[in-house]
N, C-alpha and C. Protein backbone atom coordinates (compact mmCIF):
# COMPACT_ATOMS: atom_id res chain seq x y z
N MET A 1 88.56 240.77 -47.84
CA MET A 1 88.62 239.43 -46.92
C MET A 1 87.82 239.96 -45.69
N ASP A 2 87.93 241.05 -45.05
CA ASP A 2 87.35 241.53 -43.86
C ASP A 2 85.68 241.79 -44.30
N ALA A 3 85.41 242.31 -45.38
CA ALA A 3 84.16 242.44 -45.66
C ALA A 3 83.42 241.16 -45.75
N GLU A 4 84.08 240.17 -46.24
CA GLU A 4 83.52 238.80 -46.52
C GLU A 4 83.11 238.06 -45.07
N LEU A 5 84.18 238.44 -44.15
CA LEU A 5 83.79 237.87 -42.62
C LEU A 5 82.72 238.57 -41.98
N VAL A 6 82.65 239.82 -42.33
CA VAL A 6 81.56 240.70 -41.74
C VAL A 6 80.03 240.17 -42.41
N ARG A 7 80.13 239.86 -43.69
CA ARG A 7 78.95 239.41 -44.25
C ARG A 7 78.53 238.07 -43.76
N GLN A 8 79.62 237.13 -43.44
CA GLN A 8 79.23 235.79 -42.95
C GLN A 8 78.57 235.82 -41.50
N ARG A 9 79.32 236.71 -40.81
CA ARG A 9 78.86 236.86 -39.47
C ARG A 9 77.45 237.49 -39.37
N ALA A 10 77.08 238.55 -40.17
CA ALA A 10 75.71 239.06 -40.30
C ALA A 10 74.76 237.93 -40.59
N ARG A 11 75.18 237.05 -41.60
CA ARG A 11 74.22 235.95 -42.19
C ARG A 11 74.00 235.08 -41.13
N ALA A 12 75.07 234.73 -40.12
CA ALA A 12 74.88 233.78 -38.93
C ALA A 12 73.94 234.41 -37.97
N ARG A 13 74.07 235.75 -37.80
CA ARG A 13 73.26 236.22 -36.65
C ARG A 13 71.83 236.32 -37.36
N ALA A 14 71.59 236.70 -38.52
CA ALA A 14 70.25 236.80 -38.99
C ALA A 14 69.62 235.57 -39.27
N ARG A 15 70.24 234.41 -39.41
CA ARG A 15 69.76 233.09 -39.43
C ARG A 15 69.33 232.71 -38.18
N HIS A 16 69.97 233.13 -37.15
CA HIS A 16 69.46 232.51 -35.72
C HIS A 16 69.08 233.59 -34.89
N SER A 17 68.56 234.75 -35.44
CA SER A 17 68.27 235.84 -34.57
C SER A 17 66.71 235.56 -33.86
N TRP A 18 65.96 234.54 -34.42
CA TRP A 18 64.76 234.39 -33.70
C TRP A 18 64.97 233.64 -32.51
N ARG A 19 65.93 232.90 -32.31
CA ARG A 19 66.34 232.41 -30.97
C ARG A 19 66.41 233.69 -29.93
N ASN A 20 67.23 234.43 -30.37
CA ASN A 20 67.39 235.62 -29.32
C ASN A 20 66.28 236.42 -29.11
N THR A 21 65.30 236.57 -30.22
CA THR A 21 64.05 237.31 -30.09
C THR A 21 63.20 236.42 -29.26
N ALA A 22 63.05 235.23 -29.28
CA ALA A 22 62.34 234.37 -28.40
C ALA A 22 62.65 234.43 -26.97
N VAL A 23 63.92 234.46 -26.63
CA VAL A 23 64.44 234.50 -25.49
C VAL A 23 64.12 235.83 -24.82
N SER A 24 64.49 236.79 -25.58
CA SER A 24 64.06 238.18 -25.19
C SER A 24 62.68 238.48 -24.84
N ALA A 25 61.85 237.95 -25.43
CA ALA A 25 60.50 238.03 -25.33
C ALA A 25 59.76 237.38 -24.15
N LEU A 26 60.57 236.45 -23.52
CA LEU A 26 59.86 235.27 -22.62
C LEU A 26 59.51 236.33 -21.34
N GLY A 27 60.42 237.28 -20.81
CA GLY A 27 60.20 237.96 -19.65
C GLY A 27 59.23 239.07 -19.88
N PRO A 28 59.15 239.92 -20.74
CA PRO A 28 57.91 240.82 -20.96
C PRO A 28 56.61 240.14 -21.07
N LEU A 29 56.55 238.96 -21.83
CA LEU A 29 55.34 238.29 -22.07
C LEU A 29 54.85 237.63 -20.51
N THR A 30 55.89 237.13 -19.90
CA THR A 30 55.42 236.70 -18.56
C THR A 30 54.82 237.84 -17.69
N ALA A 31 55.47 238.85 -17.72
CA ALA A 31 55.10 240.11 -17.00
C ALA A 31 53.72 240.51 -17.52
N LEU A 32 53.46 240.48 -18.68
CA LEU A 32 52.21 240.90 -19.34
C LEU A 32 51.03 240.02 -18.95
N VAL A 33 51.47 238.75 -18.89
CA VAL A 33 50.46 237.63 -18.34
C VAL A 33 50.08 237.89 -16.93
N GLY A 34 50.98 238.28 -16.01
CA GLY A 34 50.84 238.67 -14.73
C GLY A 34 49.83 239.87 -14.64
N LEU A 35 50.17 240.94 -15.50
CA LEU A 35 49.34 242.09 -15.36
C LEU A 35 47.92 241.67 -15.92
N VAL A 36 47.75 241.05 -16.89
CA VAL A 36 46.43 240.69 -17.40
C VAL A 36 45.68 239.89 -16.47
N TRP A 37 46.40 238.97 -15.76
CA TRP A 37 45.85 238.04 -14.62
C TRP A 37 45.25 239.11 -13.51
N ALA A 38 46.10 239.96 -13.04
CA ALA A 38 45.71 240.98 -12.10
C ALA A 38 44.45 241.89 -12.50
N LEU A 39 44.40 242.02 -13.80
CA LEU A 39 43.20 243.02 -14.18
C LEU A 39 42.03 241.99 -14.38
N VAL A 40 42.20 240.73 -14.80
CA VAL A 40 40.91 239.68 -14.90
C VAL A 40 40.52 239.56 -13.50
N GLN A 41 41.20 239.24 -12.61
CA GLN A 41 40.90 238.81 -11.15
C GLN A 41 41.38 239.98 -10.29
N PRO A 42 40.77 241.04 -10.21
CA PRO A 42 41.33 242.02 -9.22
C PRO A 42 41.23 241.60 -7.76
N TYR A 43 40.43 240.81 -7.55
CA TYR A 43 40.14 240.48 -5.94
C TYR A 43 41.36 239.81 -5.51
N ARG A 44 42.37 239.28 -6.50
CA ARG A 44 43.61 238.74 -6.03
C ARG A 44 44.48 239.61 -5.68
N VAL A 45 44.44 240.73 -6.17
CA VAL A 45 45.40 241.96 -5.86
C VAL A 45 44.88 242.76 -4.51
N THR A 46 45.40 242.26 -3.40
CA THR A 46 44.57 242.87 -2.15
C THR A 46 45.30 244.33 -1.72
N LEU A 47 46.12 244.77 -2.59
CA LEU A 47 46.71 246.13 -2.41
C LEU A 47 45.55 247.16 -2.50
N LEU A 48 44.38 246.82 -3.23
CA LEU A 48 43.37 247.75 -3.38
C LEU A 48 42.64 247.91 -1.91
N ASP A 49 42.79 246.92 -0.92
CA ASP A 49 42.29 247.02 0.41
C ASP A 49 43.19 246.83 1.46
N PRO A 50 44.21 247.67 1.68
CA PRO A 50 45.34 247.19 2.53
C PRO A 50 44.97 247.11 4.00
N ASP A 51 43.73 247.75 4.51
CA ASP A 51 43.54 247.78 5.88
C ASP A 51 43.37 246.48 6.58
N LYS A 52 42.73 245.44 5.64
CA LYS A 52 42.37 244.17 6.25
C LYS A 52 43.43 243.11 6.29
N HIS A 53 44.58 243.39 5.75
CA HIS A 53 45.87 242.42 5.53
C HIS A 53 47.07 242.83 6.02
N THR A 54 47.96 241.93 6.30
CA THR A 54 49.29 242.21 6.94
C THR A 54 50.12 242.33 5.57
N PHE A 55 51.27 242.84 5.85
CA PHE A 55 52.30 243.16 4.62
C PHE A 55 52.60 241.93 3.81
N TRP A 56 52.84 240.75 4.52
CA TRP A 56 53.14 239.66 3.60
C TRP A 56 52.12 239.20 2.77
N TYR A 57 50.88 239.25 3.19
CA TYR A 57 49.71 238.97 2.56
C TYR A 57 49.53 239.94 1.26
N LEU A 58 49.82 241.20 1.46
CA LEU A 58 49.73 242.08 0.48
C LEU A 58 50.87 241.92 -0.63
N ALA A 59 52.12 241.60 -0.14
CA ALA A 59 53.38 241.53 -1.01
C ALA A 59 53.30 240.09 -1.84
N ILE A 60 52.84 239.15 -1.25
CA ILE A 60 53.05 237.80 -1.75
C ILE A 60 51.60 237.48 -2.52
N GLN A 61 51.21 238.17 -3.60
CA GLN A 61 50.14 237.70 -4.31
C GLN A 61 50.48 237.13 -5.75
N PRO A 62 49.87 236.10 -6.19
CA PRO A 62 50.41 235.41 -7.31
C PRO A 62 50.40 236.31 -8.67
N PRO A 63 49.64 237.03 -9.06
CA PRO A 63 49.80 238.00 -10.03
C PRO A 63 51.11 238.94 -9.92
N LEU A 64 51.27 239.50 -8.65
CA LEU A 64 52.47 240.30 -8.44
C LEU A 64 53.70 239.49 -8.74
N LEU A 65 53.78 238.31 -8.07
CA LEU A 65 54.86 237.53 -8.22
C LEU A 65 55.26 237.15 -9.70
N VAL A 66 54.06 236.79 -10.49
CA VAL A 66 54.28 236.47 -11.76
C VAL A 66 54.98 237.80 -12.56
N ILE A 67 54.47 238.92 -12.23
CA ILE A 67 55.08 240.19 -12.76
C ILE A 67 56.57 240.32 -12.51
N LEU A 68 56.89 240.03 -11.03
CA LEU A 68 58.29 240.05 -10.72
C LEU A 68 59.06 239.04 -11.38
N VAL A 69 58.60 237.99 -11.45
CA VAL A 69 59.41 236.88 -12.18
C VAL A 69 59.79 237.15 -13.67
N GLY A 70 58.90 237.84 -14.31
CA GLY A 70 59.12 238.22 -15.71
C GLY A 70 60.26 239.33 -15.71
N VAL A 71 60.14 240.35 -14.86
CA VAL A 71 61.05 241.38 -14.86
C VAL A 71 62.47 240.76 -14.47
N VAL A 72 62.42 239.93 -13.54
CA VAL A 72 63.82 239.41 -12.96
C VAL A 72 64.42 238.65 -13.95
N PHE A 73 63.66 237.83 -14.74
CA PHE A 73 64.07 237.09 -15.97
C PHE A 73 64.64 237.86 -17.01
N HIS A 74 63.98 238.91 -17.32
CA HIS A 74 64.33 239.81 -18.61
C HIS A 74 65.57 240.53 -18.13
N PHE A 75 65.83 240.98 -16.93
CA PHE A 75 67.09 241.91 -16.70
C PHE A 75 68.09 241.16 -16.25
N TRP A 76 68.12 239.85 -15.53
CA TRP A 76 69.02 239.35 -14.96
C TRP A 76 69.45 237.91 -15.59
N VAL A 77 68.52 237.40 -16.20
CA VAL A 77 68.78 236.06 -16.83
C VAL A 77 68.92 236.10 -18.44
N VAL A 78 68.18 236.98 -19.06
CA VAL A 78 68.29 236.97 -20.50
C VAL A 78 69.69 237.63 -21.09
N PRO A 79 70.27 238.43 -20.44
CA PRO A 79 71.60 238.90 -21.02
C PRO A 79 72.50 237.90 -21.04
N GLY A 80 72.79 237.12 -20.08
CA GLY A 80 73.45 235.68 -20.08
C GLY A 80 73.19 234.58 -21.15
N LEU A 81 71.87 234.42 -21.18
CA LEU A 81 71.34 233.65 -22.22
C LEU A 81 71.67 234.07 -23.51
N ILE A 82 71.50 235.20 -23.87
CA ILE A 82 71.80 235.63 -25.30
C ILE A 82 73.18 235.64 -25.56
N ALA A 83 73.96 236.05 -24.46
CA ALA A 83 75.57 235.96 -24.97
C ALA A 83 75.92 234.58 -25.01
N ASP A 84 75.32 233.42 -24.36
CA ASP A 84 75.65 232.04 -24.62
C ASP A 84 75.13 231.64 -25.96
N LEU A 85 74.02 232.18 -26.24
CA LEU A 85 73.64 231.87 -27.79
C LEU A 85 74.43 232.21 -28.76
N GLU A 86 74.85 233.55 -28.57
CA GLU A 86 75.70 234.23 -29.68
C GLU A 86 77.00 233.24 -29.71
N GLU A 87 77.61 232.97 -28.46
CA GLU A 87 78.85 232.21 -28.60
C GLU A 87 78.68 230.90 -29.42
N VAL A 88 77.63 230.29 -29.17
CA VAL A 88 77.23 228.88 -29.80
C VAL A 88 77.20 229.18 -31.32
N GLU A 89 76.47 230.24 -31.56
CA GLU A 89 76.25 230.62 -33.01
C GLU A 89 77.62 230.91 -33.72
N GLU A 90 78.46 231.61 -33.02
CA GLU A 90 79.75 232.01 -33.54
C GLU A 90 80.56 230.83 -33.76
N GLY A 91 80.49 229.78 -32.80
CA GLY A 91 81.25 228.57 -32.92
C GLY A 91 80.90 227.84 -33.97
N LYS A 92 79.62 227.68 -34.24
CA LYS A 92 79.01 226.88 -35.41
C LYS A 92 79.29 227.57 -36.92
N ALA A 93 79.33 229.01 -36.89
CA ALA A 93 79.56 229.52 -38.16
C ALA A 93 81.01 229.47 -38.63
């Protein structure tokens, strides 16, 4: 009986694991896009020439903010979303 429940739970997770994968990939993909943006348009990242600008102008640059949003989403938002997705999937199974 226990083995059957374990198999059912494994099937339920395998069936809906693409959702967890998609949610988990959003943060790193966003950070990667920010990094690519910074490499494609290096003039936007003024950290390379800090003498001409103030701190806030250096810190608040769009590519850096996109990278920060991706990291924050991945480490603070994704764990809760995955837990909620697993609860919903277990409730349906």
